[in-house]
Amino acid sequence: MCLCVTHSNFKNLVNPLARKKFLPSAQLSQLIDLSTCLKDNKKCMYGECSICSNNLQLTMEEDELLTEVKYFQWVNVSETITIRGKERIIKKVEKKALQTTLKDLVSIFFEKLAVFKKHRYDISHQYKEIKNLKKGLTSHEILFLIDLSENYGLKFGEEIQSMHFGGSRQHISLHTGVMYSREETSEPLTVTSFATISENLNHSSHAIVAHMRPIFQLAKERKRSEIHFIHFLSDSPSSQYRNQFTINFMKKELLRQFPQLQGFVWNYSISGHGKGAADGVGAVLKRTADMKVAQGADIADVSKFYSVLNTSCPGIIVYQVPGEDILMAERELKNVHSTPFKGIMNVHQIIWNLEGFKLNSLSSCILLLPFIGLWFIFMEYKLHNLSSCKFFIINNCA
């Protein structure tokens, strides 16, 4: 079972009902099968199918409805703490025990079942389209799967006790990813793992562009064919990838790096489901560095971290991004005109071509099918030629 908050909370609703035999199964996949005609059908999973909308029925005695039932839910809570005499409000996640009547729990179950089915369909839909995208990638396209990894704390082979307290330990930022490409449409996919590291810990829009600049150079060196279209796949934090500043700054950078570029698509993964190959790259780098430290090596700065990984991880191309480059990108961002995107937090795909931008909600996310240099958009069972689309800003395409 997935451990995102939607899956976990729904499972915690199902468990007490299954224990009391009011549900035929505690398995979420079986409950979906029982409550839908086809789990691959959007109308069924979105509750729009007239046939299966009432498939799952619970029967219980009248005297059981007021029985008290205990269940658990993961919730976000705010807490006031005092640090050095000053009060601060912090947010944290707690697993709370809740109690309600069986009647109310059943109502909550059906309400959350509708949400859960949409969630499951959206995940499946996105994974399927990403798989198809990789399969149909042409020689003029590139797919970047990227992730800002958790900062790595530099370590020494031997450390005194004081090293573990205060601000003694330095950290570095890691931006990891995988590049998918092919030189000929008939050739197998080429997969290139990469990472950029920096002593500058900024994770904002300008830092994203600064970290991607050496990767764009790598793409131009590795690709013999002209790059006409670029796909991005990332998770969706608003402070990093999903905001108007990152998208507009990246557009300007891509046009500078790739003069023949005709468009790009940025796909955002479902919340809680953003793990992928890029996270694996970060895990390998960190485990390798920790192993070297365990063997007695000192990794005291970003240069040492870079040299260790370059030697020990030949399958991953590592670049060092100087802090000055990130500061320079920050100054450049001030001169970038940022087109505002209304409703950007509700979209999972942003498309740009020479006509402008278009935003898509997940249920209408497109499948890009390249044929002989032209890109076709499959959306709600209709085909459109990308080169002739008049793109404009909309809230979503649901």
Protein backbone atom coordinates (compact mmCIF):
# COMPACT_ATOMS: atom_id res chain seq x y z
CA MET A 1 0.00 0.00 0.00
CA CYS A 2 1.14 3.54 -0.74
CA LEU A 3 1.98 5.67 2.31
CA CYS A 4 0.72 9.03 1.02
CA VAL A 5 -1.75 10.77 3.33
CA THR A 6 -4.75 10.00 1.09
CA HIS A 7 -4.04 6.25 1.04
CA SER A 8 -3.13 6.05 4.72
CA ASN A 9 -6.15 7.97 6.00
CA PHE A 10 -8.57 6.01 3.84
CA LYS A 11 -7.02 2.72 5.01
CA ASN A 12 -7.48 3.89 8.62
CA LEU A 13 -11.20 4.41 7.87
CA VAL A 14 -11.55 1.00 6.27
CA ASN A 15 -9.87 -0.98 9.08
CA PRO A 16 -12.52 -0.56 11.84
CA LEU A 17 -15.38 -1.19 9.36
CA ALA A 18 -13.67 -4.34 8.06
CA ARG A 19 -13.00 -5.61 11.59
CA LYS A 20 -16.71 -5.33 12.35
CA LYS A 21 -17.51 -7.19 9.09
CA PHE A 22 -19.42 -4.27 7.59
CA LEU A 23 -17.06 -4.23 4.59
CA PRO A 24 -16.44 -7.32 2.43
CA SER A 25 -12.68 -6.67 2.41
CA ALA A 26 -9.98 -4.53 4.03
CA GLN A 27 -7.98 -4.45 0.78
CA LEU A 28 -8.30 -1.08 -0.94
CA SER A 29 -7.85 -2.55 -4.42
CA GLN A 30 -10.72 -5.00 -3.83
CA LEU A 31 -12.98 -2.21 -2.59
CA ILE A 32 -12.33 -0.28 -5.79
CA ASP A 33 -13.13 -3.38 -7.87
CA LEU A 34 -16.39 -3.83 -5.94
CA SER A 35 -17.45 -0.20 -6.28
CA THR A 36 -16.69 0.34 -10.01
CA CYS A 37 -17.40 -1.24 -13.37
CA LEU A 38 -13.86 -0.61 -14.65
CA LYS A 39 -11.06 0.88 -12.58
CA ASP A 40 -9.39 2.19 -15.76
CA ASN A 41 -12.51 4.13 -16.75
CA LYS A 42 -12.48 7.80 -15.73
CA LYS A 43 -16.27 8.07 -15.38
CA CYS A 44 -16.38 5.08 -13.03
CA MET A 45 -13.51 6.33 -10.87
CA TYR A 46 -14.86 9.90 -10.82
CA GLY A 47 -18.35 8.76 -9.74
CA GLU A 48 -19.94 9.83 -13.03
CA CYS A 49 -21.06 6.35 -14.10
CA SER A 50 -24.77 5.72 -13.54
CA ILE A 51 -24.26 1.94 -13.45
CA CYS A 52 -21.68 1.59 -10.66
CA SER A 53 -22.28 4.77 -8.63
CA ASN A 54 -24.15 2.73 -5.97
CA ASN A 55 -22.39 -0.63 -6.35
CA LEU A 56 -21.02 -0.82 -2.81
CA GLN A 57 -23.74 -1.05 -0.15
CA LEU A 58 -23.28 -1.53 3.61
CA THR A 59 -25.98 -3.19 5.66
CA MET A 60 -26.26 -3.01 9.45
CA GLU A 61 -28.83 -3.22 12.18
CA GLU A 62 -30.55 -0.09 13.46
CA ASP A 63 -29.20 -0.52 16.98
CA GLU A 64 -25.64 -0.70 15.65
CA LEU A 65 -25.70 2.76 14.07
CA LEU A 66 -25.04 4.58 17.35
CA THR A 67 -22.17 2.31 18.41
CA GLU A 68 -19.02 4.29 19.21
CA VAL A 69 -16.07 3.51 16.92
CA LYS A 70 -12.43 4.57 17.24
CA TYR A 71 -10.26 5.28 14.18
CA PHE A 72 -7.03 7.11 13.33
CA GLN A 73 -6.21 9.95 10.92
CA TRP A 74 -3.04 11.82 9.97
CA VAL A 75 -3.71 15.56 10.48
CA ASN A 76 -1.78 18.82 10.24
CA VAL A 77 -1.74 20.75 13.51
CA SER A 78 -0.34 24.10 14.62
CA GLU A 79 1.46 24.40 17.94
CA THR A 80 2.86 27.39 19.82
CA ILE A 81 6.33 26.87 21.27
CA THR A 82 8.71 29.20 23.11
CA ILE A 83 12.30 29.53 21.90
CA ARG A 84 14.64 31.84 23.84
CA GLY A 85 11.69 33.68 25.33
CA LYS A 86 9.90 34.21 22.00
CA GLU A 87 6.74 32.43 20.96
CA ARG A 88 6.66 30.74 17.56
CA ILE A 89 3.92 28.85 15.77
CA ILE A 90 5.07 25.62 14.17
CA LYS A 91 3.18 23.14 11.99
CA LYS A 92 3.56 19.41 12.36
CA VAL A 93 1.85 16.16 11.42
CA GLU A 94 0.20 13.95 14.02
CA LYS A 95 -1.62 10.63 13.95
CA LYS A 96 -4.75 11.40 15.94
CA ALA A 97 -7.19 8.96 17.51
CA LEU A 98 -10.77 10.01 16.72
CA GLN A 99 -14.08 8.63 17.91
CA THR A 100 -17.50 8.78 16.30
CA THR A 101 -20.65 6.74 15.82
CA LEU A 102 -20.76 3.91 13.31
CA LYS A 103 -23.38 5.84 11.32
CA ASP A 104 -21.10 8.88 10.97
CA LEU A 105 -18.09 6.69 10.16
CA VAL A 106 -19.98 5.09 7.28
CA SER A 107 -20.87 8.56 5.94
CA ILE A 108 -17.22 9.60 6.16
CA PHE A 109 -16.18 6.36 4.46
CA PHE A 110 -18.36 6.95 1.38
CA GLU A 111 -17.29 10.58 1.19
CA LYS A 112 -13.60 9.60 1.28
CA LEU A 113 -14.16 6.65 -1.06
CA ALA A 114 -15.09 9.10 -3.82
CA VAL A 115 -11.93 11.13 -3.16
CA PHE A 116 -9.77 8.01 -2.98
CA LYS A 117 -11.04 6.61 -6.30
CA LYS A 118 -10.22 9.88 -8.07
CA HIS A 119 -6.78 9.85 -6.45
CA ARG A 120 -6.10 6.29 -7.61
CA TYR A 121 -7.27 7.03 -11.15
CA ASP A 122 -5.11 10.17 -11.37
CA ILE A 123 -1.99 8.29 -10.26
CA SER A 124 -2.60 5.45 -12.71
CA HIS A 125 -3.38 7.89 -15.53
CA GLN A 126 -0.20 9.88 -14.96
CA TYR A 127 2.07 6.82 -14.71
CA LYS A 128 0.59 5.41 -17.91
CA GLU A 129 1.12 8.65 -19.83
CA ILE A 130 4.71 8.98 -18.60
CA LYS A 131 5.41 5.42 -19.74
CA ASN A 132 3.91 6.20 -23.14
CA LEU A 133 5.93 9.40 -23.34
CA LYS A 134 9.20 7.53 -22.81
CA LYS A 135 8.17 4.89 -25.34
CA GLY A 136 7.31 7.48 -28.00
CA LEU A 137 10.24 9.85 -27.44
CA THR A 138 11.79 10.95 -30.76
CA SER A 139 15.32 11.96 -31.66
CA HIS A 140 14.36 15.64 -31.32
CA GLU A 141 13.00 15.36 -27.79
CA ILE A 142 14.44 15.04 -24.28
CA LEU A 143 12.79 14.11 -21.00
CA PHE A 144 14.27 15.37 -17.72
CA LEU A 145 13.13 13.69 -14.51
CA ILE A 146 14.41 15.97 -11.73
CA ASP A 147 14.27 16.32 -7.95
CA LEU A 148 15.79 18.57 -5.29
CA SER A 149 17.20 16.07 -2.84
CA GLU A 150 17.35 16.68 0.90
CA ASN A 151 20.51 18.60 1.83
CA TYR A 152 23.49 16.43 2.74
CA GLY A 153 25.37 17.06 6.00
CA LEU A 154 29.14 16.94 5.47
CA LYS A 155 30.94 14.48 7.76
CA PHE A 156 34.37 13.53 9.07
CA GLY A 157 35.78 10.05 9.66
CA GLU A 158 36.18 10.99 13.33
CA GLU A 159 34.10 13.68 15.01
CA ILE A 160 34.27 15.17 18.48
CA GLN A 161 31.06 15.47 20.47
CA SER A 162 30.67 19.22 19.87
CA MET A 163 30.44 18.59 16.12
CA HIS A 164 26.91 17.24 16.63
CA PHE A 165 25.54 20.46 18.16
CA GLY A 166 24.83 23.99 16.99
CA GLY A 167 25.80 25.07 13.50
CA SER A 168 29.08 23.17 13.28
CA ARG A 169 27.94 20.81 10.54
CA GLN A 170 27.92 22.28 7.03
CA HIS A 171 25.42 21.17 4.42
CA ILE A 172 25.32 21.08 0.64
CA SER A 173 22.36 21.00 -1.74
CA LEU A 174 21.85 18.26 -4.32
CA HIS A 175 19.75 18.51 -7.46
CA THR A 176 19.45 15.04 -8.97
CA GLY A 177 17.88 13.71 -12.12
CA VAL A 178 17.76 11.37 -15.09
CA MET A 179 17.81 12.38 -18.77
CA TYR A 180 15.98 10.22 -21.31
CA SER A 181 16.76 10.57 -25.02
CA ARG A 182 17.43 8.64 -28.20
CA GLU A 183 19.38 9.50 -31.35
CA GLU A 184 17.04 7.64 -33.70
CA THR A 185 13.38 6.84 -33.16
CA SER A 186 14.08 3.14 -33.79
CA GLU A 187 16.92 3.03 -31.24
CA PRO A 188 16.49 2.07 -27.57
CA LEU A 189 16.17 4.81 -24.98
CA THR A 190 19.41 6.29 -23.62
CA VAL A 191 19.30 6.92 -19.86
CA THR A 192 21.79 9.35 -18.29
CA SER A 193 21.89 9.87 -14.51
CA PHE A 194 23.17 13.23 -13.28
CA ALA A 195 23.47 15.43 -10.20
CA THR A 196 24.52 18.98 -9.44
CA ILE A 197 25.83 20.00 -6.02
CA SER A 198 26.44 23.38 -4.40
CA GLU A 199 27.37 24.95 -1.07
CA ASN A 200 24.53 27.43 -1.70
CA LEU A 201 21.44 25.90 -0.06
CA ASN A 202 18.87 28.02 -1.88
CA HIS A 203 16.06 25.96 -3.45
CA SER A 204 14.14 28.81 -5.10
CA SER A 205 13.36 29.38 -8.78
CA HIS A 206 16.70 30.93 -9.70
CA ALA A 207 18.58 28.08 -7.99
CA ILE A 208 16.64 25.53 -10.10
CA VAL A 209 17.74 27.26 -13.30
CA ALA A 210 21.35 27.55 -12.10
CA HIS A 211 21.44 23.83 -11.29
CA MET A 212 19.98 22.92 -14.70
CA ARG A 213 22.40 25.01 -16.77
CA PRO A 214 25.24 22.45 -16.79
CA ILE A 215 22.68 19.73 -17.53
CA PHE A 216 21.47 21.59 -20.60
CA GLN A 217 25.09 21.79 -21.75
CA LEU A 218 25.38 18.03 -21.19
CA ALA A 219 22.27 17.46 -23.31
CA LYS A 220 23.71 19.52 -26.18
CA GLU A 221 26.99 17.60 -25.99
CA ARG A 222 25.28 14.20 -25.93
CA LYS A 223 22.68 14.88 -28.62
CA ARG A 224 23.62 14.96 -32.29
CA SER A 225 20.08 15.86 -33.36
CA GLU A 226 18.55 19.28 -32.83
CA ILE A 227 16.39 19.52 -29.73
CA HIS A 228 12.93 20.78 -30.62
CA PHE A 229 10.92 19.75 -27.59
CA ILE A 230 11.74 19.25 -23.88
CA HIS A 231 9.70 17.45 -21.24
CA PHE A 232 10.15 17.97 -17.50
CA LEU A 233 8.81 15.69 -14.79
CA SER A 234 9.13 16.73 -11.14
CA ASP A 235 7.28 16.79 -7.85
CA SER A 236 5.14 19.86 -7.19
CA PRO A 237 6.34 22.08 -4.31
CA SER A 238 5.24 25.64 -4.99
CA SER A 239 8.49 27.11 -3.68
CA GLN A 240 10.58 25.16 -6.21
CA TYR A 241 9.05 23.92 -9.45
CA ARG A 242 5.37 24.84 -9.53
CA ASN A 243 5.36 28.64 -9.69
CA GLN A 244 5.33 31.35 -12.34
CA PHE A 245 8.93 32.44 -11.69
CA THR A 246 10.46 29.01 -12.33
CA ILE A 247 8.40 28.44 -15.49
CA ASN A 248 9.04 31.88 -17.01
CA PHE A 249 12.75 31.92 -16.09
CA MET A 250 13.14 28.38 -17.47
CA LYS A 251 11.42 29.40 -20.70
CA LYS A 252 13.91 32.22 -21.19
CA GLU A 253 16.84 29.93 -20.38
CA LEU A 254 15.67 27.17 -22.72
CA LEU A 255 15.29 29.57 -25.64
CA ARG A 256 18.82 30.83 -24.98
CA GLN A 257 20.30 27.33 -24.75
CA PHE A 258 18.26 25.70 -27.53
CA PRO A 259 17.62 28.16 -30.42
CA GLN A 260 15.60 25.54 -32.35
CA LEU A 261 13.24 24.87 -29.44
CA GLN A 262 9.55 24.79 -30.38
CA GLY A 263 8.03 24.02 -27.01
CA PHE A 264 8.27 22.35 -23.61
CA VAL A 265 5.95 20.59 -21.17
CA TRP A 266 6.32 20.56 -17.38
CA ASN A 267 4.53 17.66 -15.69
CA TYR A 268 3.96 17.66 -11.92
CA SER A 269 3.50 14.40 -10.06
CA ILE A 270 0.59 13.75 -7.71
CA SER A 271 1.19 14.94 -4.15
CA GLY A 272 2.85 12.14 -2.20
CA HIS A 273 3.74 10.24 -5.38
CA GLY A 274 6.77 12.15 -6.63
CA LYS A 275 9.42 9.54 -5.90
CA GLY A 276 11.26 8.09 -8.85
CA ALA A 277 14.62 7.53 -10.51
CA ALA A 278 15.89 10.97 -9.50
CA ASP A 279 15.45 10.09 -5.82
CA GLY A 280 17.43 6.91 -6.45
CA VAL A 281 20.32 8.95 -7.82
CA GLY A 282 20.37 11.06 -4.66
CA ALA A 283 20.24 7.97 -2.44
CA VAL A 284 23.21 6.38 -4.22
CA LEU A 285 25.31 9.52 -3.87
CA LYS A 286 24.55 9.95 -0.16
CA ARG A 287 25.09 6.27 0.68
CA THR A 288 28.39 6.30 -1.21
CA ALA A 289 29.59 9.37 0.70
CA ASP A 290 28.51 7.83 4.03
CA MET A 291 30.35 4.62 3.17
CA LYS A 292 33.55 6.57 2.49
CA VAL A 293 33.17 8.38 5.81
CA ALA A 294 32.68 5.04 7.58
CA GLN A 295 35.98 3.94 6.04
CA GLY A 296 37.70 6.94 7.64
CA ALA A 297 37.52 9.59 4.90
CA ASP A 298 36.84 13.26 5.70
CA ILE A 299 34.23 14.94 3.49
CA ALA A 300 34.63 18.46 4.82
CA ASP A 301 33.49 20.60 1.87
CA VAL A 302 31.66 20.49 -1.42
CA SER A 303 34.89 20.00 -3.43
CA LYS A 304 35.77 16.86 -1.47
CA PHE A 305 32.21 15.57 -1.85
CA TYR A 306 32.50 16.16 -5.60
CA SER A 307 35.85 14.36 -5.95
CA VAL A 308 34.66 11.36 -3.92
CA LEU A 309 31.50 10.94 -6.00
CA ASN A 310 33.28 11.48 -9.31
CA THR A 311 35.61 8.60 -8.47
CA SER A 312 33.16 6.26 -6.74
CA CYS A 313 30.04 6.75 -8.88
CA PRO A 314 31.14 6.60 -12.53
CA GLY A 315 27.58 5.91 -13.68
CA ILE A 316 26.38 9.31 -12.42
CA ILE A 317 27.59 12.56 -14.00
CA VAL A 318 28.18 15.08 -11.22
CA TYR A 319 28.63 18.84 -11.64
CA GLN A 320 29.61 21.41 -9.03
CA VAL A 321 27.58 24.63 -9.16
CA PRO A 322 29.48 27.55 -7.55
CA GLY A 323 27.50 29.68 -5.14
CA GLU A 324 28.29 32.70 -7.32
CA ASP A 325 26.37 31.12 -10.22
CA ILE A 326 23.23 30.86 -8.10
CA LEU A 327 23.59 34.48 -6.96
CA MET A 328 24.01 35.54 -10.58
CA ALA A 329 20.84 33.65 -11.53
CA GLU A 330 19.03 35.46 -8.71
CA ARG A 331 20.01 38.82 -10.24
CA GLU A 332 18.92 37.63 -13.69
CA LEU A 333 15.51 36.59 -12.37
CA LYS A 334 14.73 40.20 -11.48
CA ASN A 335 14.81 41.06 -15.18
CA VAL A 336 12.53 38.20 -16.26
CA HIS A 337 8.93 39.12 -17.06
CA SER A 338 6.83 36.54 -15.21
CA THR A 339 3.46 35.70 -16.72
CA PRO A 340 1.10 35.05 -13.77
CA PHE A 341 -0.69 31.68 -13.77
CA LYS A 342 -4.07 31.85 -12.08
CA GLY A 343 -4.94 28.54 -10.41
CA ILE A 344 -1.47 27.04 -10.86
CA MET A 345 -1.83 24.95 -7.68
CA ASN A 346 -4.71 23.05 -9.30
CA VAL A 347 -2.82 22.01 -12.42
CA HIS A 348 -0.45 19.13 -13.07
CA GLN A 349 0.81 20.11 -16.50
CA ILE A 350 2.03 23.34 -18.09
CA ILE A 351 2.63 23.48 -21.84
CA TRP A 352 4.48 26.18 -23.72
CA ASN A 353 5.04 26.70 -27.41
CA LEU A 354 5.70 29.76 -29.56
CA GLU A 355 2.07 30.84 -29.12
CA GLY A 356 2.15 30.94 -25.31
CA PHE A 357 1.21 28.86 -22.26
CA LYS A 358 -1.54 26.37 -21.49
CA LEU A 359 -2.37 24.82 -18.10
CA ASN A 360 -4.00 21.39 -17.64
CA SER A 361 -5.61 19.73 -14.67
CA LEU A 362 -4.51 16.13 -14.16
CA SER A 363 -7.66 14.47 -15.45
CA SER A 364 -7.11 16.15 -18.83
CA CYS A 365 -3.32 15.88 -18.95
CA ILE A 366 -2.21 15.22 -22.46
CA LEU A 367 -0.28 12.46 -24.11
CA LEU A 368 2.28 13.91 -26.50
CA LEU A 369 2.65 11.71 -29.56
CA PRO A 370 5.48 12.86 -31.84
CA PHE A 371 5.28 12.00 -35.53
CA ILE A 372 7.83 13.22 -38.09
CA GLY A 373 8.73 16.38 -36.22
CA LEU A 374 5.13 17.34 -35.40
CA TRP A 375 3.62 16.97 -31.95
CA PHE A 376 0.04 15.91 -31.44
CA ILE A 377 -1.89 16.47 -28.24
CA PHE A 378 -4.27 13.75 -27.10
CA MET A 379 -6.73 15.32 -24.68
CA GLU A 380 -10.18 14.04 -23.88
CA TYR A 381 -9.99 11.78 -26.97
CA LYS A 382 -9.29 14.62 -29.41
CA LEU A 383 -6.15 15.24 -31.46
CA HIS A 384 -4.64 18.67 -31.98
CA ASN A 385 -1.54 19.72 -33.88
CA LEU A 386 0.75 21.42 -31.34
CA SER A 387 2.38 23.72 -33.88
CA SER A 388 -1.00 25.25 -34.75
CA CYS A 389 -2.50 25.43 -31.23
CA LYS A 390 -3.30 28.92 -29.94
CA PHE A 391 -2.24 28.50 -26.33
CA PHE A 392 -3.61 30.80 -23.66
CA ILE A 393 -3.82 30.91 -19.88
CA ILE A 394 -6.74 29.07 -18.32
CA ASN A 395 -7.48 27.76 -14.82
CA ASN A 396 -7.63 24.12 -15.91
CA CYS A 397 -9.01 21.87 -18.59
CA ALA A 398 -11.17 19.63 -16.43
